[in-house]
Amino acid sequence: MSTFEKAPEVKRIAEELIDQHHPHLQDHARKLVDYYYRYGGGVDWGGKCKKCTAFERHVTSMMFFLFISMDAWKAMSAQQRVALVDHELCHIQRDHTEQINSETQQWERKWCNADDPDSWSIRKHDVEEFSDVIYRHGLWETGIEKIAAAVRKADQQLTIEDMGMPGLRKVSGE
């Protein structure tokens, strides 16, 4: 049986990430996300982001739940925990418009109403692919190229070896 508990450490990490990287959550929208640890249940994921149903919004006034598997959390380093929370926050997508600022003559993003459930959605991953296919065919699709460009530009690279995760092998195309 699964049980759930508020996750204040996850919320603290999320608040820092929101300030740094998630402008769509920087207004009062940050208060529309609730964070929970999940204990038990034999899940095969580290984290899940879920948009609330109409009933869940009625009962909790939340727009999203972010769940973290406690089994996965305990096995992660501090850097991996930050990356996991950042990953889950990236699933939260908010509609926006682009408008010209009359003073600066620059395009500016205007976020849609945070309280309107239709302004929100779950963002899918940029790419889903097997490392074997990338090894054999290269950066064959634009999503894969975007990921490769992001990896090349990253200030910091965490690898499986850095994490000391036994049983995982590095795919290098031997």
N, C-alpha and C. Protein backbone atom coordinates (compact mmCIF):
# COMPACT_ATOMS: atom_id res chain seq x y z
N MET A 1 0.83 -1.19 0.00
CA MET A 1 0.00 0.00 0.00
C MET A 1 0.88 1.25 0.00
N SER A 2 0.50 2.22 -0.77
CA SER A 2 1.25 3.47 -0.84
C SER A 2 0.73 4.45 0.19
N THR A 3 1.65 5.21 0.75
CA THR A 3 1.29 6.32 1.63
C THR A 3 2.00 7.56 1.14
N PHE A 4 1.46 8.71 1.52
CA PHE A 4 2.00 9.98 1.05
C PHE A 4 2.22 10.90 2.24
N GLU A 5 3.24 11.76 2.10
CA GLU A 5 3.59 12.71 3.15
C GLU A 5 4.10 13.98 2.48
N LYS A 6 3.77 15.11 3.04
CA LYS A 6 4.29 16.38 2.51
C LYS A 6 5.81 16.31 2.41
N ALA A 7 6.37 16.99 1.42
CA ALA A 7 7.80 16.92 1.12
C ALA A 7 8.43 18.32 1.20
N PRO A 8 8.71 18.80 2.42
CA PRO A 8 9.26 20.16 2.55
C PRO A 8 10.63 20.35 1.90
N GLU A 9 11.47 19.32 1.89
CA GLU A 9 12.78 19.45 1.24
C GLU A 9 12.60 19.62 -0.27
N VAL A 10 11.68 18.88 -0.85
CA VAL A 10 11.39 19.00 -2.28
C VAL A 10 10.87 20.39 -2.58
N LYS A 11 9.97 20.89 -1.73
CA LYS A 11 9.42 22.23 -1.93
C LYS A 11 10.51 23.29 -1.85
N ARG A 12 11.44 23.15 -0.91
CA ARG A 12 12.54 24.12 -0.78
C ARG A 12 13.39 24.13 -2.05
N ILE A 13 13.73 22.96 -2.54
CA ILE A 13 14.51 22.86 -3.78
C ILE A 13 13.73 23.47 -4.94
N ALA A 14 12.44 23.15 -5.01
CA ALA A 14 11.59 23.67 -6.09
C ALA A 14 11.53 25.20 -6.05
N GLU A 15 11.39 25.78 -4.88
CA GLU A 15 11.32 27.24 -4.76
C GLU A 15 12.58 27.89 -5.32
N GLU A 16 13.74 27.32 -5.03
CA GLU A 16 15.00 27.87 -5.56
C GLU A 16 15.05 27.72 -7.08
N LEU A 17 14.63 26.56 -7.58
CA LEU A 17 14.63 26.33 -9.03
C LEU A 17 13.63 27.24 -9.74
N ILE A 18 12.48 27.46 -9.14
CA ILE A 18 11.48 28.34 -9.73
C ILE A 18 12.06 29.74 -9.89
N ASP A 19 12.73 30.23 -8.86
CA ASP A 19 13.33 31.57 -8.93
C ASP A 19 14.40 31.66 -10.02
N GLN A 20 15.11 30.56 -10.25
CA GLN A 20 16.21 30.57 -11.22
C GLN A 20 15.79 30.24 -12.65
N HIS A 21 14.84 29.30 -12.81
CA HIS A 21 14.63 28.73 -14.14
C HIS A 21 13.19 28.58 -14.60
N HIS A 22 12.22 28.90 -13.79
CA HIS A 22 10.83 28.63 -14.14
C HIS A 22 9.97 29.88 -13.99
N PRO A 23 10.11 30.84 -14.92
CA PRO A 23 9.38 32.10 -14.80
C PRO A 23 7.87 31.94 -14.83
N HIS A 24 7.37 30.88 -15.44
CA HIS A 24 5.93 30.65 -15.49
C HIS A 24 5.33 30.32 -14.13
N LEU A 25 6.19 30.08 -13.15
CA LEU A 25 5.72 29.79 -11.79
C LEU A 25 6.13 30.87 -10.79
N GLN A 26 6.72 31.96 -11.25
CA GLN A 26 7.27 32.95 -10.33
C GLN A 26 6.23 33.88 -9.72
N ASP A 27 5.05 33.98 -10.28
CA ASP A 27 4.02 34.78 -9.62
C ASP A 27 3.31 33.89 -8.60
N HIS A 28 2.08 34.19 -8.28
CA HIS A 28 1.41 33.37 -7.27
C HIS A 28 1.17 31.93 -7.73
N ALA A 29 1.52 31.62 -8.98
CA ALA A 29 1.37 30.26 -9.49
C ALA A 29 2.19 29.26 -8.68
N ARG A 30 3.29 29.70 -8.08
CA ARG A 30 4.11 28.80 -7.27
C ARG A 30 3.31 28.18 -6.13
N LYS A 31 2.27 28.85 -5.70
CA LYS A 31 1.44 28.35 -4.61
C LYS A 31 0.39 27.33 -5.10
N LEU A 32 0.38 27.07 -6.39
CA LEU A 32 -0.58 26.12 -6.97
C LEU A 32 0.03 24.73 -7.15
N VAL A 33 1.24 24.53 -6.64
CA VAL A 33 1.92 23.24 -6.73
C VAL A 33 2.13 22.72 -5.32
N ASP A 34 1.80 21.45 -5.10
CA ASP A 34 2.01 20.83 -3.80
C ASP A 34 2.93 19.63 -3.98
N TYR A 35 3.78 19.38 -2.99
CA TYR A 35 4.86 18.41 -3.08
C TYR A 35 4.68 17.30 -2.05
N TYR A 36 4.82 16.04 -2.52
CA TYR A 36 4.63 14.88 -1.65
C TYR A 36 5.68 13.82 -1.91
N TYR A 37 6.08 13.15 -0.81
CA TYR A 37 6.84 11.92 -0.93
C TYR A 37 5.85 10.77 -1.05
N ARG A 38 6.20 9.79 -1.85
CA ARG A 38 5.39 8.57 -1.96
C ARG A 38 6.21 7.43 -1.37
N TYR A 39 5.63 6.74 -0.41
CA TYR A 39 6.25 5.59 0.21
C TYR A 39 5.55 4.33 -0.29
N GLY A 40 6.35 3.31 -0.65
CA GLY A 40 5.77 2.03 -1.05
C GLY A 40 5.16 2.07 -2.43
N GLY A 41 4.50 0.99 -2.74
CA GLY A 41 3.78 0.93 -4.00
C GLY A 41 4.57 0.36 -5.16
N GLY A 42 5.87 0.09 -4.97
CA GLY A 42 6.67 -0.54 -6.01
C GLY A 42 6.69 0.20 -7.34
N VAL A 43 6.78 1.51 -7.32
CA VAL A 43 6.79 2.28 -8.56
C VAL A 43 8.17 2.21 -9.22
N ASP A 44 8.20 2.41 -10.53
CA ASP A 44 9.46 2.36 -11.26
C ASP A 44 9.90 3.76 -11.70
N TRP A 45 9.47 4.79 -11.00
CA TRP A 45 9.84 6.15 -11.34
C TRP A 45 10.37 6.87 -10.10
N GLY A 46 11.14 7.93 -10.36
CA GLY A 46 11.66 8.74 -9.26
C GLY A 46 10.72 9.88 -8.90
N GLY A 47 10.06 10.43 -9.90
CA GLY A 47 9.15 11.54 -9.67
C GLY A 47 8.04 11.55 -10.70
N LYS A 48 6.95 12.18 -10.33
CA LYS A 48 5.79 12.34 -11.22
C LYS A 48 5.19 13.70 -10.97
N CYS A 49 4.81 14.35 -12.03
CA CYS A 49 4.07 15.61 -11.94
C CYS A 49 2.67 15.35 -12.50
N LYS A 50 1.66 15.74 -11.76
CA LYS A 50 0.28 15.47 -12.15
C LYS A 50 -0.55 16.74 -12.09
N LYS A 51 -1.25 17.03 -13.18
CA LYS A 51 -2.21 18.13 -13.15
C LYS A 51 -3.45 17.65 -12.42
N CYS A 52 -3.94 18.46 -11.52
CA CYS A 52 -5.08 18.08 -10.71
C CYS A 52 -6.37 18.06 -11.52
N THR A 53 -7.22 17.15 -11.16
CA THR A 53 -8.56 17.09 -11.75
C THR A 53 -9.40 18.22 -11.15
N ALA A 54 -10.57 18.45 -11.72
CA ALA A 54 -11.47 19.48 -11.19
C ALA A 54 -11.81 19.20 -9.73
N PHE A 55 -12.05 17.93 -9.40
CA PHE A 55 -12.37 17.58 -8.02
C PHE A 55 -11.18 17.85 -7.10
N GLU A 56 -9.97 17.45 -7.51
CA GLU A 56 -8.78 17.70 -6.69
C GLU A 56 -8.56 19.19 -6.49
N ARG A 57 -8.81 19.99 -7.53
CA ARG A 57 -8.67 21.45 -7.38
C ARG A 57 -9.71 21.98 -6.39
N HIS A 58 -10.92 21.44 -6.45
CA HIS A 58 -11.99 21.86 -5.54
C HIS A 58 -11.62 21.55 -4.08
N VAL A 59 -11.05 20.38 -3.86
CA VAL A 59 -10.73 19.94 -2.50
C VAL A 59 -9.46 20.61 -1.98
N THR A 60 -8.47 20.83 -2.84
CA THR A 60 -7.16 21.30 -2.37
C THR A 60 -6.78 22.70 -2.82
N SER A 61 -7.43 23.24 -3.83
CA SER A 61 -7.08 24.50 -4.49
C SER A 61 -5.71 24.45 -5.18
N MET A 62 -5.17 23.26 -5.39
CA MET A 62 -3.90 23.09 -6.09
C MET A 62 -4.17 22.86 -7.58
N MET A 63 -3.17 23.21 -8.40
CA MET A 63 -3.26 22.96 -9.83
C MET A 63 -2.42 21.73 -10.21
N PHE A 64 -1.34 21.48 -9.45
CA PHE A 64 -0.44 20.36 -9.72
C PHE A 64 0.01 19.70 -8.42
N PHE A 65 0.24 18.39 -8.51
CA PHE A 65 0.91 17.64 -7.46
C PHE A 65 2.22 17.14 -8.03
N LEU A 66 3.27 17.26 -7.26
CA LEU A 66 4.57 16.72 -7.63
C LEU A 66 4.89 15.62 -6.61
N PHE A 67 4.99 14.39 -7.10
CA PHE A 67 5.25 13.23 -6.24
C PHE A 67 6.68 12.77 -6.44
N ILE A 68 7.34 12.45 -5.32
CA ILE A 68 8.70 11.93 -5.35
C ILE A 68 8.69 10.58 -4.64
N SER A 69 9.21 9.55 -5.32
CA SER A 69 9.34 8.24 -4.69
C SER A 69 10.42 8.31 -3.63
N MET A 70 10.06 7.99 -2.39
CA MET A 70 11.04 8.04 -1.31
C MET A 70 12.16 7.03 -1.51
N ASP A 71 11.86 5.87 -2.10
CA ASP A 71 12.92 4.90 -2.38
C ASP A 71 13.97 5.50 -3.31
N ALA A 72 13.53 6.16 -4.36
CA ALA A 72 14.46 6.80 -5.30
C ALA A 72 15.19 7.96 -4.63
N TRP A 73 14.46 8.78 -3.89
CA TRP A 73 15.02 9.96 -3.24
C TRP A 73 16.17 9.58 -2.31
N LYS A 74 15.98 8.53 -1.53
CA LYS A 74 17.02 8.09 -0.59
C LYS A 74 18.28 7.63 -1.30
N ALA A 75 18.14 7.10 -2.51
CA ALA A 75 19.29 6.58 -3.25
C ALA A 75 20.03 7.67 -4.03
N MET A 76 19.49 8.88 -4.11
CA MET A 76 20.07 9.94 -4.94
C MET A 76 21.01 10.85 -4.15
N SER A 77 21.99 11.38 -4.88
CA SER A 77 22.85 12.42 -4.32
C SER A 77 22.07 13.74 -4.31
N ALA A 78 22.62 14.73 -3.64
CA ALA A 78 21.97 16.05 -3.60
C ALA A 78 21.82 16.61 -5.01
N GLN A 79 22.82 16.44 -5.86
CA GLN A 79 22.75 16.95 -7.23
C GLN A 79 21.66 16.25 -8.03
N GLN A 80 21.53 14.95 -7.84
CA GLN A 80 20.49 14.21 -8.54
C GLN A 80 19.11 14.64 -8.07
N ARG A 81 18.97 14.93 -6.79
CA ARG A 81 17.68 15.38 -6.26
C ARG A 81 17.26 16.70 -6.90
N VAL A 82 18.20 17.62 -7.00
CA VAL A 82 17.91 18.91 -7.65
C VAL A 82 17.51 18.68 -9.10
N ALA A 83 18.23 17.82 -9.81
CA ALA A 83 17.91 17.54 -11.20
C ALA A 83 16.53 16.91 -11.34
N LEU A 84 16.18 16.01 -10.42
CA LEU A 84 14.86 15.37 -10.47
C LEU A 84 13.74 16.39 -10.27
N VAL A 85 13.90 17.26 -9.28
CA VAL A 85 12.87 18.28 -9.02
C VAL A 85 12.76 19.23 -10.21
N ASP A 86 13.90 19.63 -10.77
CA ASP A 86 13.90 20.49 -11.96
C ASP A 86 13.17 19.80 -13.11
N HIS A 87 13.45 18.53 -13.30
CA HIS A 87 12.79 17.74 -14.35
C HIS A 87 11.28 17.76 -14.16
N GLU A 88 10.82 17.52 -12.96
CA GLU A 88 9.38 17.48 -12.71
C GLU A 88 8.75 18.86 -12.90
N LEU A 89 9.43 19.93 -12.50
CA LEU A 89 8.91 21.28 -12.72
C LEU A 89 8.81 21.60 -14.21
N CYS A 90 9.70 21.04 -15.00
CA CYS A 90 9.65 21.27 -16.46
C CYS A 90 8.39 20.69 -17.08
N HIS A 91 7.75 19.74 -16.41
CA HIS A 91 6.49 19.19 -16.93
C HIS A 91 5.34 20.19 -16.82
N ILE A 92 5.48 21.19 -15.98
CA ILE A 92 4.41 22.16 -15.78
C ILE A 92 4.51 23.22 -16.86
N GLN A 93 3.48 23.30 -17.69
CA GLN A 93 3.47 24.24 -18.81
C GLN A 93 2.30 25.21 -18.65
N ARG A 94 2.59 26.46 -18.87
CA ARG A 94 1.58 27.51 -18.76
C ARG A 94 1.47 28.27 -20.07
N ASP A 95 0.25 28.50 -20.51
CA ASP A 95 0.04 29.24 -21.74
C ASP A 95 0.48 30.70 -21.57
N HIS A 96 0.83 31.30 -22.67
CA HIS A 96 1.25 32.70 -22.66
C HIS A 96 0.97 33.34 -24.01
N THR A 97 1.05 34.65 -24.01
CA THR A 97 0.97 35.41 -25.26
C THR A 97 2.25 36.21 -25.39
N GLU A 98 2.50 36.69 -26.58
CA GLU A 98 3.65 37.56 -26.83
C GLU A 98 3.10 38.93 -27.21
N GLN A 99 3.60 39.97 -26.55
CA GLN A 99 3.14 41.33 -26.82
C GLN A 99 4.34 42.25 -26.96
N ILE A 100 4.16 43.28 -27.78
CA ILE A 100 5.20 44.31 -27.92
C ILE A 100 5.07 45.29 -26.76
N ASN A 101 6.18 45.54 -26.08
CA ASN A 101 6.22 46.56 -25.04
C ASN A 101 6.32 47.91 -25.75
N SER A 102 5.34 48.78 -25.51
CA SER A 102 5.29 50.05 -26.23
C SER A 102 6.48 50.96 -25.91
N GLU A 103 7.06 50.80 -24.73
CA GLU A 103 8.21 51.63 -24.35
C GLU A 103 9.51 51.11 -24.94
N THR A 104 9.74 49.79 -24.84
CA THR A 104 11.01 49.23 -25.30
C THR A 104 10.97 48.71 -26.72
N GLN A 105 9.76 48.57 -27.28
CA GLN A 105 9.56 47.99 -28.61
C GLN A 105 10.11 46.57 -28.71
N GLN A 106 10.15 45.88 -27.59
CA GLN A 106 10.61 44.49 -27.54
C GLN A 106 9.43 43.57 -27.26
N TRP A 107 9.52 42.35 -27.80
CA TRP A 107 8.49 41.35 -27.51
C TRP A 107 8.64 40.91 -26.06
N GLU A 108 7.51 40.79 -25.37
CA GLU A 108 7.51 40.32 -23.99
C GLU A 108 6.48 39.22 -23.84
N ARG A 109 6.81 38.27 -22.99
CA ARG A 109 5.91 37.16 -22.71
C ARG A 109 4.95 37.58 -21.59
N LYS A 110 3.66 37.36 -21.81
CA LYS A 110 2.65 37.62 -20.78
C LYS A 110 1.99 36.30 -20.46
N TRP A 111 2.10 35.89 -19.20
CA TRP A 111 1.55 34.60 -18.78
C TRP A 111 0.04 34.70 -18.64
N CYS A 112 -0.66 33.65 -19.05
CA CYS A 112 -2.12 33.59 -18.91
C CYS A 112 -2.49 33.42 -17.44
N ASN A 113 -3.73 33.64 -17.14
CA ASN A 113 -4.25 33.61 -15.78
C ASN A 113 -3.89 32.31 -15.07
N ALA A 114 -3.17 32.41 -13.97
CA ALA A 114 -2.73 31.23 -13.22
C ALA A 114 -3.90 30.47 -12.62
N ASP A 115 -5.00 31.14 -12.36
CA ASP A 115 -6.15 30.48 -11.74
C ASP A 115 -7.06 29.77 -12.74
N ASP A 116 -6.79 29.91 -14.01
CA ASP A 116 -7.59 29.26 -15.04
C ASP A 116 -6.96 27.90 -15.37
N PRO A 117 -7.64 26.80 -15.03
CA PRO A 117 -7.07 25.48 -15.31
C PRO A 117 -6.74 25.25 -16.78
N ASP A 118 -7.44 25.92 -17.67
CA ASP A 118 -7.17 25.77 -19.10
C ASP A 118 -5.86 26.43 -19.53
N SER A 119 -5.26 27.24 -18.63
CA SER A 119 -3.97 27.87 -18.92
C SER A 119 -2.80 26.92 -18.70
N TRP A 120 -3.10 25.77 -18.12
CA TRP A 120 -2.05 24.85 -17.69
C TRP A 120 -2.15 23.52 -18.41
N SER A 121 -1.01 22.89 -18.59
CA SER A 121 -0.97 21.54 -19.15
C SER A 121 0.30 20.84 -18.68
N ILE A 122 0.36 19.56 -18.97
CA ILE A 122 1.56 18.78 -18.68
C ILE A 122 2.40 18.76 -19.96
N ARG A 123 3.63 19.20 -19.84
CA ARG A 123 4.56 19.21 -20.96
C ARG A 123 5.22 17.84 -21.08
N LYS A 124 5.26 17.32 -22.29
CA LYS A 124 5.92 16.04 -22.54
C LYS A 124 7.42 16.26 -22.67
N HIS A 125 8.17 15.19 -22.57
CA HIS A 125 9.63 15.26 -22.74
C HIS A 125 9.97 15.72 -24.15
N ASP A 126 11.10 16.40 -24.27
CA ASP A 126 11.54 16.89 -25.57
C ASP A 126 11.89 15.75 -26.52
N VAL A 127 12.40 14.67 -25.97
CA VAL A 127 12.81 13.55 -26.82
C VAL A 127 12.65 12.25 -26.04
N GLU A 128 12.27 11.22 -26.77
CA GLU A 128 12.29 9.87 -26.22
C GLU A 128 12.98 9.01 -27.27
N GLU A 129 14.10 8.44 -26.91
CA GLU A 129 14.87 7.67 -27.87
C GLU A 129 15.77 6.69 -27.13
N PHE A 130 16.20 5.66 -27.84
CA PHE A 130 17.14 4.68 -27.32
C PHE A 130 18.56 5.13 -27.66
N SER A 131 19.48 4.95 -26.72
CA SER A 131 20.87 5.30 -26.99
C SER A 131 21.42 4.47 -28.16
N ASP A 132 20.95 3.24 -28.32
CA ASP A 132 21.40 2.40 -29.45
C ASP A 132 21.05 3.04 -30.79
N VAL A 133 19.86 3.61 -30.89
CA VAL A 133 19.43 4.24 -32.15
C VAL A 133 20.28 5.48 -32.42
N ILE A 134 20.54 6.26 -31.38
CA ILE A 134 21.39 7.45 -31.55
C ILE A 134 22.79 7.02 -31.97
N TYR A 135 23.31 5.95 -31.36
CA TYR A 135 24.63 5.47 -31.74
C TYR A 135 24.66 5.06 -33.22
N ARG A 136 23.63 4.36 -33.66
CA ARG A 136 23.62 3.87 -35.04
C ARG A 136 23.28 4.94 -36.08
N HIS A 137 22.42 5.91 -35.70
CA HIS A 137 21.90 6.85 -36.69
C HIS A 137 22.22 8.31 -36.39
N GLY A 138 22.84 8.57 -35.26
CA GLY A 138 23.19 9.94 -34.91
C GLY A 138 21.99 10.77 -34.49
N LEU A 139 22.14 12.07 -34.63
CA LEU A 139 21.12 13.03 -34.20
C LEU A 139 20.10 13.18 -35.32
N TRP A 140 19.32 12.15 -35.54
CA TRP A 140 18.44 12.03 -36.70
C TRP A 140 17.16 12.83 -36.59
N GLU A 141 16.85 13.37 -35.43
CA GLU A 141 15.57 14.06 -35.22
C GLU A 141 15.84 15.36 -34.45
N THR A 142 15.05 16.40 -34.71
CA THR A 142 15.34 17.73 -34.12
C THR A 142 15.32 17.71 -32.60
N GLY A 143 14.46 16.92 -31.98
CA GLY A 143 14.44 16.86 -30.52
C GLY A 143 15.74 16.31 -29.96
N ILE A 144 16.29 15.31 -30.65
CA ILE A 144 17.57 14.73 -30.22
C ILE A 144 18.68 15.75 -30.37
N GLU A 145 18.68 16.51 -31.45
CA GLU A 145 19.70 17.55 -31.65
C GLU A 145 19.60 18.61 -30.56
N LYS A 146 18.38 18.97 -30.15
CA LYS A 146 18.22 19.95 -29.06
C LYS A 146 18.84 19.43 -27.78
N ILE A 147 18.63 18.15 -27.49
CA ILE A 147 19.21 17.55 -26.29
C ILE A 147 20.73 17.54 -26.40
N ALA A 148 21.26 17.15 -27.56
CA ALA A 148 22.71 17.12 -27.75
C ALA A 148 23.31 18.52 -27.58
N ALA A 149 22.65 19.54 -28.12
CA ALA A 149 23.14 20.91 -27.97
C ALA A 149 23.13 21.33 -26.50
N ALA A 150 22.09 20.95 -25.78
CA ALA A 150 22.01 21.27 -24.35
C ALA A 150 23.13 20.58 -23.57
N VAL A 151 23.43 19.34 -23.92
CA VAL A 151 24.52 18.61 -23.26
C VAL A 151 25.85 19.30 -23.53
N ARG A 152 26.07 19.72 -24.77
CA ARG A 152 27.34 20.39 -25.10
C ARG A 152 27.49 21.71 -24.36
N LYS A 153 26.38 22.42 -24.10
CA LYS A 153 26.44 23.74 -23.46
C LYS A 153 26.38 23.68 -21.93
N ALA A 154 26.07 22.53 -21.38
CA ALA A 154 25.87 22.42 -19.93
C ALA A 154 27.14 22.79 -19.17
N ASP A 155 26.98 23.58 -18.12
CA ASP A 155 28.12 23.96 -17.28
C ASP A 155 28.65 22.77 -16.49
N GLN A 156 27.77 21.84 -16.19
CA GLN A 156 28.12 20.73 -15.34
C GLN A 156 27.59 19.44 -15.95
N GLN A 157 28.38 18.40 -15.95
CA GLN A 157 27.96 17.11 -16.47
C GLN A 157 28.00 16.08 -15.36
N LEU A 158 26.86 15.53 -15.01
CA LEU A 158 26.81 14.41 -14.08
C LEU A 158 26.78 13.14 -14.90
N THR A 159 27.60 12.18 -14.54
CA THR A 159 27.63 10.91 -15.26
C THR A 159 27.28 9.79 -14.30
N ILE A 160 27.00 8.63 -14.85
CA ILE A 160 26.71 7.45 -14.03
C ILE A 160 27.89 7.17 -13.12
N GLU A 161 29.11 7.30 -13.64
CA GLU A 161 30.30 7.05 -12.82
C GLU A 161 30.38 8.02 -11.64
N ASP A 162 29.99 9.29 -11.86
CA ASP A 162 30.00 10.28 -10.79
C ASP A 162 29.05 9.89 -9.66
N MET A 163 27.98 9.25 -10.02
CA MET A 163 26.95 8.91 -9.05
C MET A 163 27.24 7.60 -8.34
N GLY A 164 28.21 6.84 -8.84
CA GLY A 164 28.54 5.58 -8.21
C GLY A 164 27.39 4.60 -8.21
N MET A 165 26.69 4.53 -9.32
CA MET A 165 25.52 3.64 -9.41
C MET A 165 25.96 2.30 -9.99
N PRO A 166 26.09 1.29 -9.15
CA PRO A 166 26.55 -0.01 -9.63
C PRO A 166 25.51 -0.65 -10.55
N GLY A 167 26.00 -1.48 -11.45
CA GLY A 167 25.11 -2.23 -12.33
C GLY A 167 24.73 -1.49 -13.60
N LEU A 168 25.06 -0.21 -13.69
CA LEU A 168 24.76 0.53 -14.91
C LEU A 168 26.04 0.68 -15.71
N ARG A 169 25.95 0.41 -16.99
CA ARG A 169 27.15 0.53 -17.81
C ARG A 169 27.03 1.76 -18.69
N LYS A 170 28.14 2.31 -19.00
CA LYS A 170 28.19 3.47 -19.89
C LYS A 170 28.04 2.99 -21.32
N VAL A 171 27.16 3.60 -22.07
CA VAL A 171 27.00 3.27 -23.48
C VAL A 171 27.91 4.19 -24.27
N SER A 172 28.93 3.60 -24.88
CA SER A 172 29.88 4.44 -25.61
C SER A 172 30.03 4.02 -27.06
N GLY A 173 29.25 3.05 -27.48
CA GLY A 173 29.32 2.61 -28.86
C GLY A 173 30.56 1.80 -29.17
N GLU A 174 30.99 0.96 -28.21
CA GLU A 174 32.19 0.17 -28.42
C GLU A 174 32.11 -0.62 -29.70
